[in-house]
Amino acid sequence: MSTASEHAGQAALSICEALLLAMNDRGLLPEHEIVGVLRDAAATHENAVGTELEIESHRAVAELINAIIAGGNSVRRP
């Protein structure tokens, strides 16, 4: 069952994705910079420290961000 926290995370992801798409569409950020932002975010989670449970959570977030990069979801590609 979904929790309020999961809903907040999904909403944040959708908002961020929409912002990245809008910035690319308007020429504010080129694709390589958007991918760079996503890679930086993934690296932050890949290098996070904490308890085993916290590290597992961070790695799951990094995997999700890397899947977004691989899928091209945040950049409209011709």
Protein backbone atom coordinates (compact mmCIF):
# COMPACT_ATOMS: atom_id res chain seq x y z
CA MET A 1 0.00 0.00 0.00
CA SER A 2 1.25 3.49 -0.83
CA THR A 3 2.07 5.93 1.90
CA ALA A 4 1.87 9.72 1.97
CA SER A 5 5.65 9.79 1.67
CA GLU A 6 5.57 7.66 -1.48
CA HIS A 7 2.93 9.95 -2.98
CA ALA A 8 5.06 12.98 -2.16
CA GLY A 9 8.07 11.34 -3.82
CA GLN A 10 6.09 10.53 -6.96
CA ALA A 11 4.74 14.08 -7.10
CA ALA A 12 8.24 15.54 -6.68
CA LEU A 13 9.59 13.29 -9.43
CA SER A 14 6.81 14.31 -11.81
CA ILE A 15 7.30 18.01 -11.08
CA CYS A 16 11.08 17.79 -11.55
CA GLU A 17 10.69 15.87 -14.79
CA ALA A 18 8.24 18.47 -16.10
CA LEU A 19 10.65 21.27 -15.15
CA LEU A 20 13.58 19.57 -16.89
CA LEU A 21 11.49 19.06 -20.03
CA ALA A 22 10.34 22.69 -19.98
CA MET A 23 13.90 23.97 -19.51
CA ASN A 24 15.06 21.86 -22.44
CA ASP A 25 12.09 22.87 -24.63
CA ARG A 26 12.76 26.55 -23.98
CA GLY A 27 16.47 26.21 -24.61
CA LEU A 28 17.44 27.08 -21.04
CA LEU A 29 19.38 23.87 -20.52
CA PRO A 30 20.74 21.64 -23.27
CA GLU A 31 20.34 17.88 -23.04
CA HIS A 32 23.90 17.26 -21.84
CA GLU A 33 23.44 19.62 -18.89
CA ILE A 34 20.14 18.02 -17.91
CA VAL A 35 21.79 14.60 -18.02
CA GLY A 36 24.64 16.09 -15.95
CA VAL A 37 22.18 17.27 -13.30
CA LEU A 38 20.67 13.80 -13.15
CA ARG A 39 24.10 12.15 -12.97
CA ASP A 40 25.10 14.47 -10.13
CA ALA A 41 21.92 13.56 -8.26
CA ALA A 42 22.55 9.85 -8.79
CA ALA A 43 26.16 10.18 -7.64
CA THR A 44 25.05 11.93 -4.46
CA HIS A 45 22.89 8.94 -3.60
CA GLU A 46 25.48 6.39 -4.73
CA ASN A 47 28.03 7.94 -2.35
CA ALA A 48 25.69 8.47 0.60
CA VAL A 49 26.61 7.10 3.99
CA GLY A 50 24.46 6.00 6.87
CA THR A 51 22.93 2.87 8.25
CA GLU A 52 22.55 -0.20 6.08
CA LEU A 53 18.87 0.63 5.57
CA GLU A 54 19.65 4.25 4.63
CA ILE A 55 22.35 3.17 2.17
CA GLU A 56 19.95 0.66 0.61
CA SER A 57 17.38 3.43 0.18
CA HIS A 58 19.94 5.77 -1.39
CA ARG A 59 21.08 3.05 -3.81
CA ALA A 60 17.48 2.45 -4.87
CA VAL A 61 17.10 6.18 -5.56
CA ALA A 62 20.35 6.18 -7.58
CA GLU A 63 19.12 3.21 -9.60
CA LEU A 64 15.87 5.04 -10.36
CA ILE A 65 17.72 8.17 -11.48
CA ASN A 66 20.05 6.10 -13.66
CA ALA A 67 17.02 4.38 -15.22
CA ILE A 68 15.55 7.81 -15.99
CA ILE A 69 18.82 8.78 -17.70
CA ALA A 70 18.90 5.54 -19.69
CA GLY A 71 15.26 5.89 -20.70
CA GLY A 72 15.58 9.52 -21.73
CA ASN A 73 12.46 10.43 -19.77
CA SER A 74 13.58 13.93 -18.84
CA VAL A 75 14.74 15.00 -22.29
CA ARG A 76 12.66 14.99 -25.45
CA ARG A 77 14.76 13.22 -28.04
CA PRO A 78 13.92 13.34 -31.75
